Amino acid sequence: MAEGGGKTGTTDDKPDFARGIPAGDLPEGAMIEGTLGEDKVLLLRRDGAVTAIGARCTHLGAPLAKGIVAEGEIRCPWHHARFSLETGEAVGAPAFAPLPCYRAEERDGRITVTGRREAADSSLGKSSLGKSPGKVVIVGGGAGGHACAEWLARAGHGAAVTLVSDDPDPPYDRTFCSKQYLSGKAPREKTRLAPESFYGGEGPRLLRDRVVSLDLGAEEIVTAGGERLAYDALVIATGAAPQTPDLPGFDRPEVHTLRSLADADALIAAAEKARSVAVVGASFIGLEVAAAMIAREKRVTVVAPDAVPLAKVLGEAVGRFVQGLHEEKGVTFRLGRKVEGFDGTALALDDGSRIEADLVVLGTGVSPRTDLAEAAGLALAEKDAGGGIVVDATLAASAPGIYAIG
C-alpha cells in the first residue's frame, strides 16, 4: 500500500541531522527532511528501520518528502520518478541519476546521520533480463526511447541497442521545452537527458534518421537514409504529434505548436519580436507556455472553451486555484469561448470579439504517432480509447518481438 509523506520540517528551519533528532520525532511511516552540512537529507522509518537518502529528486529537484513510499521505493511528487530506498538507484524515469545514501544511527533515543555511505551501483539489475535480448532497435528518441536505452545499458546490453531518432537533437527532457528553457531560466544544454558520450563507444548507438517502414516478416526497420536494421526486439517509442485545428489562418507563420526543442527555439525567437501572445487551449502545455511568456514580460491571453482550466483532469477546485495563480502573474483568461480564426493580428472568437496577438501558441492536444504501426498491421486502440498501439501487461504489441512505450 502506498504511504503518504509525513512530517517534513519547516522551510527555514530544518533539523541538523549531524546533531540528531529525538527518535520519537520519526514514528513509523513518517518522513523528515533535514540537513547534513550542505546536503539535503530525507529520514524515513519503515518497518521500524530508519533510512537516510537524498531529499531532492535528481530530475528537477522536487522535495521527496512530499512523495509516496511503496514497495521499497520512493516516488517523486512531480513527475513520478522512482528511487530504491535500499540503494538510492533511480528505477523509474524521468530521473536517471541515483540519490545519495547516508548512514543513519539510532542510539539512546536519538537518530543521527553520520555521513554518506557508498553510492548505488549505476548498473541496474544486470541479471534481471536473464539471457541477452539480442539486437534491440528503438524507434523514437524522446524520453521513453532514451529511458529504454538507458535501462538496457545499465543491464549490460548497451552495445546491442540502436536508437533511431528523426529529431536533430540528442534525447532531451521535453518538460524543459515549455518550462525552464522557454522561460529563459535554463540554457539549452541543460535539456539533455544524457551526456554526448552515452551514445557512442560501448554504449547504445544513436542513429539520426527517420524510419519509413517496419518489415515484420524480415524483422527489420527501413530508414529514409536507406538503412535496413535487423532486430530481435523492436521498441516503438514514436510519441505524439500536436493537433492543429482546421481553422482559417492557423497555417500562418505567427502560429506555433510546442512539442520539440526545435519548436521551443522557434517560439523563443518569435517571442523576441512579439508584444502580445495568445494561447489557444488551457491544457498543461498551454498554461506552461502562458507562464513562460509572462516571465518574458509579454502580454498573455489564454482562450479555451472550458469554464475552468484543467477541471477535467484535476477537478474544478484545483483548476480555479491554478487559474488564480496565473492571473496573479498577469495572465488574462477568456474561458467558455471558441476561436474561429486568426488574421495575423488578432484571434476571432465565437462571440464576435477579437484578441490582439503578435504570436499564437496552440495548446490543443496531441495525437499518438501510429503511422508506422498501422502500416505494419499492428493492432491499434479505438480513437475514443486513445488510438494508441495495443499492448499487454508487458508492453508487448500484437506481433512477436515488438513492444510499444510512451
Protein backbone atom coordinates (compact mmCIF):
# COMPACT_ATOMS: atom_id res chain seq x y z
CA MET A 1 0.00 0.00 0.00
CA ALA A 2 1.28 3.46 -0.86
CA GLU A 3 2.09 5.67 2.06
CA GLY A 4 1.80 9.45 2.14
CA GLY A 5 4.56 11.85 3.04
CA GLY A 6 4.87 12.71 6.69
CA LYS A 7 6.50 15.48 8.67
CA THR A 8 8.94 17.49 6.62
CA GLY A 9 10.12 20.24 8.97
CA THR A 10 9.70 23.90 8.16
CA THR A 11 11.13 25.56 5.08
CA ASP A 12 13.51 27.83 7.01
CA ASP A 13 14.41 25.67 9.99
CA LYS A 14 15.10 22.08 9.00
CA PRO A 15 16.78 19.87 11.61
CA ASP A 16 20.53 19.30 11.57
CA PHE A 17 20.87 15.53 11.35
CA ALA A 18 24.52 15.68 12.40
CA ARG A 19 23.27 16.83 15.83
CA GLY A 20 20.44 14.35 15.70
CA ILE A 21 16.73 14.39 16.43
CA PRO A 22 14.68 12.63 19.11
CA ALA A 23 13.75 9.15 17.88
CA GLY A 24 10.14 9.91 18.81
CA ASP A 25 10.03 12.61 16.13
CA LEU A 26 10.21 9.87 13.48
CA PRO A 27 7.34 7.43 14.12
CA GLU A 28 6.54 4.55 11.80
CA GLY A 29 5.64 5.80 8.31
CA ALA A 30 6.99 9.33 8.84
CA MET A 31 9.46 11.31 6.71
CA ILE A 32 11.51 14.32 7.82
CA GLU A 33 13.72 16.48 5.61
CA GLY A 34 16.82 17.91 7.25
CA THR A 35 20.43 18.75 6.55
CA LEU A 36 23.88 17.24 6.86
CA GLY A 37 26.29 20.07 6.17
CA GLU A 38 25.29 21.39 2.74
CA ASP A 39 23.35 18.23 1.84
CA LYS A 40 19.57 17.95 1.98
CA VAL A 41 18.75 14.60 3.56
CA LEU A 42 15.49 12.72 3.99
CA LEU A 43 14.97 10.47 7.01
CA LEU A 44 12.17 7.91 6.96
CA ARG A 45 11.10 4.97 9.08
CA ARG A 46 9.58 1.87 7.53
CA ASP A 47 9.00 -1.43 9.35
CA GLY A 48 10.91 0.02 12.29
CA ALA A 49 14.11 0.66 10.32
CA VAL A 50 15.48 4.15 9.67
CA THR A 51 16.70 5.06 6.17
CA ALA A 52 18.56 8.22 5.11
CA ILE A 53 18.69 9.25 1.45
CA GLY A 54 18.92 12.42 -0.63
CA ALA A 55 15.89 14.62 -0.11
CA ARG A 56 15.52 16.00 -3.65
CA CYS A 57 14.64 14.21 -6.87
CA THR A 58 17.61 14.10 -9.25
CA HIS A 59 15.35 15.03 -12.15
CA LEU A 60 14.19 18.56 -11.27
CA GLY A 61 14.79 18.79 -7.54
CA ALA A 62 11.29 18.05 -6.24
CA PRO A 63 11.04 17.53 -2.45
CA LEU A 64 10.72 13.78 -1.98
CA ALA A 65 9.22 14.29 1.49
CA LYS A 66 6.02 15.17 -0.38
CA GLY A 67 6.15 11.93 -2.38
CA ILE A 68 4.91 8.47 -1.51
CA VAL A 69 6.61 5.25 -0.48
CA ALA A 70 5.53 1.91 -1.88
CA GLU A 71 7.18 -1.48 -2.36
CA GLY A 72 10.60 -0.36 -1.21
CA GLU A 73 10.65 2.73 -3.43
CA ILE A 74 10.03 6.44 -3.00
CA ARG A 75 8.17 8.22 -5.79
CA CYS A 76 8.65 11.84 -6.76
CA PRO A 77 5.55 14.04 -6.27
CA TRP A 78 6.11 15.99 -9.50
CA HIS A 79 6.89 13.61 -12.36
CA HIS A 80 6.71 10.26 -10.55
CA ALA A 81 10.36 9.21 -10.87
CA ARG A 82 11.08 6.24 -8.60
CA PHE A 83 14.11 5.50 -6.42
CA SER A 84 15.13 2.41 -4.47
CA LEU A 85 15.19 3.09 -0.74
CA GLU A 86 17.87 0.44 -0.29
CA THR A 87 20.35 1.62 -2.92
CA GLY A 88 19.19 5.10 -3.97
CA GLU A 89 19.15 3.86 -7.57
CA ALA A 90 16.77 5.60 -9.99
CA VAL A 91 14.49 2.76 -11.04
CA GLY A 92 11.85 4.78 -12.89
CA ALA A 93 12.11 7.65 -15.37
CA PRO A 94 12.29 10.59 -15.77
CA ALA A 95 15.14 10.50 -13.23
CA PHE A 96 18.28 8.59 -14.19
CA ALA A 97 20.86 9.70 -11.60
CA PRO A 98 20.73 7.92 -8.21
CA LEU A 99 20.05 9.54 -4.87
CA PRO A 100 22.94 9.77 -2.40
CA CYS A 101 22.63 7.38 0.52
CA TYR A 102 23.64 8.10 4.11
CA ARG A 103 24.46 6.23 7.31
CA ALA A 104 21.78 6.70 9.97
CA GLU A 105 22.21 5.58 13.58
CA GLU A 106 19.55 5.25 16.25
CA ARG A 107 21.03 5.19 19.75
CA ASP A 108 19.96 6.32 23.21
CA GLY A 109 16.71 7.75 21.96
CA ARG A 110 18.24 9.87 19.18
CA ILE A 111 18.71 9.47 15.45
CA THR A 112 21.81 10.94 13.81
CA VAL A 113 23.20 10.87 10.28
CA THR A 114 26.95 10.31 10.30
CA GLY A 115 27.87 10.68 6.63
CA ARG A 116 27.44 9.24 3.19
CA ARG A 117 27.61 5.56 2.51
CA GLU A 118 28.78 4.04 -0.74
CA ALA A 119 26.68 5.16 -3.69
CA ALA A 120 24.46 2.74 -5.53
CA ASP A 121 25.93 0.78 -8.39
CA SER A 122 24.98 2.61 -11.59
CA SER A 123 24.16 -0.68 -13.32
CA LEU A 124 20.53 -1.68 -12.87
CA GLY A 125 19.91 -5.36 -12.38
CA LYS A 126 22.42 -6.94 -14.76
CA SER A 127 20.83 -10.31 -14.15
CA SER A 128 17.25 -9.06 -14.31
CA LEU A 129 16.92 -9.63 -18.05
CA GLY A 130 18.25 -13.17 -17.90
CA LYS A 131 19.57 -14.01 -21.34
CA SER A 132 20.64 -11.28 -23.76
CA PRO A 133 17.77 -9.61 -25.58
CA GLY A 134 19.83 -9.73 -28.80
CA LYS A 135 19.73 -6.80 -31.18
CA VAL A 136 17.37 -4.12 -29.92
CA VAL A 137 16.15 -1.29 -32.14
CA ILE A 138 14.29 1.60 -30.53
CA VAL A 139 12.29 3.88 -32.84
CA GLY A 140 11.93 7.33 -31.28
CA GLY A 141 14.41 9.48 -29.39
CA GLY A 142 12.13 11.00 -26.76
CA ALA A 143 12.17 10.35 -23.03
CA GLY A 144 10.62 6.90 -23.43
CA GLY A 145 13.09 5.77 -26.07
CA HIS A 146 16.05 7.13 -24.12
CA ALA A 147 14.85 5.54 -20.87
CA CYS A 148 14.66 2.17 -22.62
CA ALA A 149 18.20 2.58 -23.98
CA GLU A 150 19.46 3.72 -20.57
CA TRP A 151 17.97 0.77 -18.70
CA LEU A 152 19.30 -1.74 -21.25
CA ALA A 153 22.74 -0.17 -20.95
CA ARG A 154 22.62 -0.44 -17.15
CA ALA A 155 21.70 -4.11 -17.53
CA GLY A 156 24.85 -4.65 -19.60
CA HIS A 157 23.28 -4.70 -23.06
CA GLY A 158 24.06 -1.18 -24.31
CA ALA A 159 26.20 -2.31 -27.24
CA ALA A 160 23.24 -4.25 -28.65
CA VAL A 161 20.98 -1.18 -28.79
CA THR A 162 20.36 1.21 -31.68
CA LEU A 163 18.10 4.19 -31.08
CA VAL A 164 16.75 5.74 -34.28
CA SER A 165 15.52 9.32 -33.96
CA ASP A 166 14.35 11.84 -36.55
CA ASP A 167 14.89 14.67 -34.06
CA PRO A 168 18.03 16.69 -34.90
CA ASP A 169 18.81 16.96 -31.18
CA PRO A 170 20.00 14.11 -28.95
CA PRO A 171 17.41 12.91 -26.41
CA TYR A 172 16.28 15.76 -24.16
CA ASP A 173 13.89 16.42 -21.31
CA ARG A 174 10.72 17.60 -23.02
CA THR A 175 9.45 19.26 -19.85
CA PHE A 176 12.14 21.94 -20.30
CA CYS A 177 10.63 22.93 -23.66
CA SER A 178 7.58 24.52 -22.05
CA LYS A 179 9.12 25.42 -18.70
CA GLN A 180 12.70 26.31 -17.79
CA TYR A 181 14.14 26.68 -21.29
CA LEU A 182 11.14 28.51 -22.75
CA SER A 183 11.00 30.95 -19.85
CA GLY A 184 14.73 31.68 -20.11
CA LYS A 185 15.63 30.14 -16.74
CA ALA A 186 17.79 27.33 -18.12
CA PRO A 187 20.27 27.14 -21.03
CA ARG A 188 19.70 24.81 -23.93
CA GLU A 189 22.36 22.31 -22.89
CA LYS A 190 20.51 21.67 -19.62
CA THR A 191 17.74 19.95 -21.57
CA ARG A 192 19.86 16.89 -22.38
CA LEU A 193 18.96 13.59 -20.77
CA ALA A 194 22.48 12.18 -21.08
CA PRO A 195 25.99 13.36 -21.94
CA GLU A 196 27.09 13.05 -25.57
CA SER A 197 29.39 10.18 -24.63
CA PHE A 198 26.41 7.97 -23.69
CA TYR A 199 25.58 7.28 -27.33
CA GLY A 200 28.92 6.03 -28.54
CA GLY A 201 31.78 3.72 -27.70
CA GLU A 202 30.44 0.62 -25.99
CA GLY A 203 27.08 2.22 -25.28
CA PRO A 204 23.91 2.44 -27.38
CA ARG A 205 24.19 3.78 -30.91
CA LEU A 206 22.20 6.89 -31.84
CA LEU A 207 21.17 6.94 -35.50
CA ARG A 208 19.74 10.26 -36.66
CA ASP A 209 17.36 9.15 -39.38
CA ARG A 210 13.66 8.69 -40.00
CA VAL A 211 12.08 5.24 -40.01
CA VAL A 212 9.84 4.89 -43.05
CA SER A 213 8.59 1.32 -42.59
CA LEU A 214 8.64 -1.76 -40.40
CA ASP A 215 9.30 -5.05 -42.17
CA LEU A 216 7.85 -7.51 -39.67
CA GLY A 217 8.48 -10.53 -41.86
CA ALA A 218 12.19 -9.82 -42.22
CA GLU A 219 12.38 -8.40 -38.69
CA GLU A 220 13.95 -5.19 -39.97
CA ILE A 221 13.25 -1.49 -39.94
CA VAL A 222 13.85 0.65 -43.01
CA THR A 223 15.07 4.25 -42.75
CA ALA A 224 14.78 7.22 -45.08
CA GLY A 225 18.56 7.05 -45.46
CA GLY A 226 18.33 3.56 -46.89
CA GLU A 227 19.49 1.56 -43.88
CA ARG A 228 17.85 -1.75 -43.03
CA LEU A 229 18.40 -2.62 -39.38
CA ALA A 230 17.67 -6.14 -38.18
CA TYR A 231 16.23 -6.59 -34.72
CA ASP A 232 15.47 -9.33 -32.24
CA ALA A 233 13.37 -6.87 -30.24
CA LEU A 234 11.79 -3.72 -31.64
CA VAL A 235 10.60 -0.93 -29.32
CA ILE A 236 8.25 1.66 -30.81
CA ALA A 237 8.52 4.94 -28.90
CA THR A 238 7.27 7.39 -31.51
CA GLY A 239 5.32 9.56 -29.07
CA ALA A 240 2.68 12.01 -30.22
CA ALA A 241 2.23 14.95 -32.59
CA PRO A 242 0.46 18.25 -31.81
CA GLN A 243 -3.07 18.71 -33.06
CA THR A 244 -3.67 21.83 -35.17
CA PRO A 245 -7.34 22.83 -35.50
CA ASP A 246 -8.50 23.29 -39.08
CA LEU A 247 -9.28 26.99 -38.75
CA PRO A 248 -8.63 29.98 -41.04
CA GLY A 249 -5.18 31.47 -40.50
CA PHE A 250 -3.79 28.68 -38.36
CA ASP A 251 -1.26 27.91 -41.08
CA ARG A 252 0.30 31.37 -40.72
CA PRO A 253 3.93 31.69 -39.55
CA GLU A 254 2.82 33.53 -36.40
CA VAL A 255 1.05 30.35 -35.20
CA HIS A 256 3.21 27.86 -33.29
CA THR A 257 2.90 24.46 -31.67
CA LEU A 258 5.27 23.24 -28.97
CA ARG A 259 6.41 19.65 -28.93
CA SER A 260 10.14 19.61 -29.66
CA LEU A 261 13.24 21.53 -28.65
CA ALA A 262 13.33 22.99 -32.16
CA ASP A 263 9.75 24.20 -31.61
CA ALA A 264 10.90 25.90 -28.40
CA ASP A 265 13.79 27.54 -30.28
CA ALA A 266 11.35 28.91 -32.86
CA LEU A 267 8.96 30.14 -30.19
CA ILE A 268 11.74 31.89 -28.26
CA ALA A 269 12.88 33.63 -31.44
CA ALA A 270 9.33 34.70 -32.28
CA ALA A 271 8.75 35.97 -28.74
CA GLU A 272 11.70 38.36 -29.07
CA LYS A 273 9.64 40.46 -31.50
CA ALA A 274 6.18 39.91 -30.04
CA ARG A 275 4.41 42.12 -27.53
CA SER A 276 1.18 40.14 -27.16
CA VAL A 277 0.76 36.36 -27.08
CA ALA A 278 -2.47 34.39 -27.37
CA VAL A 279 -2.52 30.81 -26.14
CA VAL A 280 -5.28 28.65 -27.57
CA GLY A 281 -6.17 25.92 -25.09
CA ALA A 282 -5.90 25.80 -21.30
CA SER A 283 -4.05 22.48 -21.23
CA PHE A 284 -0.93 21.82 -19.16
CA ILE A 285 1.23 22.86 -22.11
CA GLY A 286 -0.92 25.92 -22.79
CA LEU A 287 -0.67 27.14 -19.21
CA GLU A 288 3.07 26.42 -19.03
CA VAL A 289 3.58 28.47 -22.20
CA ALA A 290 1.49 31.28 -20.71
CA ALA A 291 3.68 31.30 -17.59
CA ALA A 292 6.86 31.25 -19.68
CA MET A 293 5.68 34.17 -21.83
CA ILE A 294 4.76 36.16 -18.72
CA ALA A 295 8.31 35.51 -17.48
CA ARG A 296 9.47 37.06 -20.76
CA GLU A 297 7.29 40.10 -20.00
CA LYS A 298 4.72 39.55 -22.74
CA ARG A 299 1.01 40.36 -22.58
CA VAL A 300 -0.67 36.95 -22.48
CA THR A 301 -4.26 35.85 -23.05
CA VAL A 302 -5.44 32.24 -22.76
CA VAL A 303 -8.53 31.28 -24.76
CA ALA A 304 -10.34 27.99 -24.13
CA PRO A 305 -13.85 26.54 -24.38
CA ASP A 306 -13.61 25.17 -20.84
CA ALA A 307 -15.27 27.03 -17.98
CA VAL A 308 -12.37 26.12 -15.65
CA PRO A 309 -8.83 25.23 -16.74
CA LEU A 310 -7.80 21.60 -16.15
CA ALA A 311 -11.12 20.80 -14.46
CA LYS A 312 -11.48 17.53 -16.39
CA VAL A 313 -8.22 16.15 -15.02
CA LEU A 314 -7.75 17.94 -11.69
CA GLY A 315 -11.26 18.97 -10.68
CA GLU A 316 -12.80 22.43 -10.50
CA ALA A 317 -11.27 23.46 -7.17
CA VAL A 318 -7.70 22.78 -8.27
CA GLY A 319 -8.40 24.22 -11.71
CA ARG A 320 -9.63 27.50 -10.24
CA PHE A 321 -6.61 27.61 -7.94
CA VAL A 322 -4.24 27.18 -10.91
CA GLN A 323 -6.14 29.85 -12.84
CA GLY A 324 -5.79 32.22 -9.91
CA LEU A 325 -2.03 31.68 -9.74
CA HIS A 326 -1.71 32.60 -13.40
CA GLU A 327 -3.98 35.63 -13.06
CA GLU A 328 -1.85 36.89 -10.17
CA LYS A 329 1.12 36.87 -12.55
CA GLY A 330 -0.79 38.82 -15.20
CA VAL A 331 -2.34 36.19 -17.47
CA THR A 332 -5.79 37.10 -18.86
CA PHE A 333 -8.30 34.27 -19.41
CA ARG A 334 -11.12 34.16 -21.96
CA LEU A 335 -12.90 30.97 -20.95
CA GLY A 336 -16.03 29.46 -22.41
CA ARG A 337 -15.05 30.82 -25.80
CA LYS A 338 -14.08 29.16 -29.08
CA VAL A 339 -11.63 30.51 -31.64
CA GLU A 340 -12.90 30.93 -35.19
CA GLY A 341 -9.71 32.08 -36.92
CA PHE A 342 -6.59 34.25 -36.97
CA ASP A 343 -5.85 37.04 -39.45
CA GLY A 344 -2.24 37.71 -38.48
CA THR A 345 -3.04 40.43 -35.95
CA ALA A 346 -5.90 39.07 -33.84
CA LEU A 347 -7.86 35.95 -32.97
CA ALA A 348 -11.55 36.00 -33.83
CA LEU A 349 -13.78 34.45 -31.15
CA ASP A 350 -17.24 32.92 -31.45
CA ASP A 351 -18.87 35.83 -29.60
CA GLY A 352 -17.65 38.31 -32.21
CA SER A 353 -14.82 39.70 -30.09
CA ARG A 354 -11.16 39.84 -31.09
CA ILE A 355 -7.94 39.31 -29.17
CA GLU A 356 -4.88 41.12 -30.48
CA ALA A 357 -1.88 38.82 -30.82
CA ASP A 358 1.50 39.09 -32.48
CA LEU A 359 2.11 35.44 -31.65
CA VAL A 360 -0.28 32.49 -31.24
CA VAL A 361 0.62 29.25 -29.48
CA LEU A 362 -1.60 26.19 -29.75
CA GLY A 363 -2.09 24.03 -26.68
CA THR A 364 -4.85 22.00 -28.28
CA GLY A 365 -3.68 18.47 -27.50
CA VAL A 366 -1.74 15.73 -29.25
CA SER A 367 -2.43 12.54 -31.18
CA PRO A 368 -0.32 9.37 -30.97
CA ARG A 369 2.07 8.85 -33.88
CA THR A 370 0.93 5.43 -35.06
CA ASP A 371 1.52 5.64 -38.83
CA LEU A 372 4.36 3.09 -38.80
CA ALA A 373 2.47 0.68 -36.57
CA GLU A 374 -0.72 0.97 -38.60
CA ALA A 375 1.09 0.41 -41.91
CA ALA A 376 2.76 -2.67 -40.44
CA GLY A 377 -0.59 -4.11 -39.37
CA LEU A 378 -0.18 -3.83 -35.61
CA ALA A 379 -3.37 -3.66 -33.57
CA LEU A 380 -4.45 -0.13 -32.59
CA ALA A 381 -6.92 1.01 -29.97
CA GLU A 382 -10.14 2.75 -30.97
CA LYS A 383 -9.89 6.55 -31.14
CA ASP A 384 -12.19 7.00 -28.15
CA ALA A 385 -9.76 4.80 -26.18
CA GLY A 386 -6.77 6.93 -27.15
CA GLY A 387 -5.94 5.47 -30.55
CA GLY A 388 -2.52 4.18 -29.49
CA ILE A 389 -0.83 0.84 -30.09
CA VAL A 390 -2.48 -2.03 -28.24
CA VAL A 391 -0.11 -3.73 -25.77
CA ASP A 392 -0.37 -6.29 -22.98
CA ALA A 393 0.87 -6.00 -19.40
CA THR A 394 4.49 -6.43 -20.57
CA LEU A 395 4.09 -3.67 -23.23
CA ALA A 396 4.22 -6.31 -25.99
CA ALA A 397 2.34 -5.34 -29.17
CA SER A 398 0.29 -7.70 -31.35
CA ALA A 399 3.29 -9.08 -33.28
CA PRO A 400 6.12 -11.15 -31.75
CA GLY A 401 9.21 -9.27 -30.58
CA ILE A 402 7.60 -5.83 -30.83
CA TYR A 403 6.92 -3.52 -27.89
CA ALA A 404 5.44 -0.02 -27.59
CA ILE A 405 6.13 2.53 -24.86
CA GLY A 406 5.46 6.16 -24.07
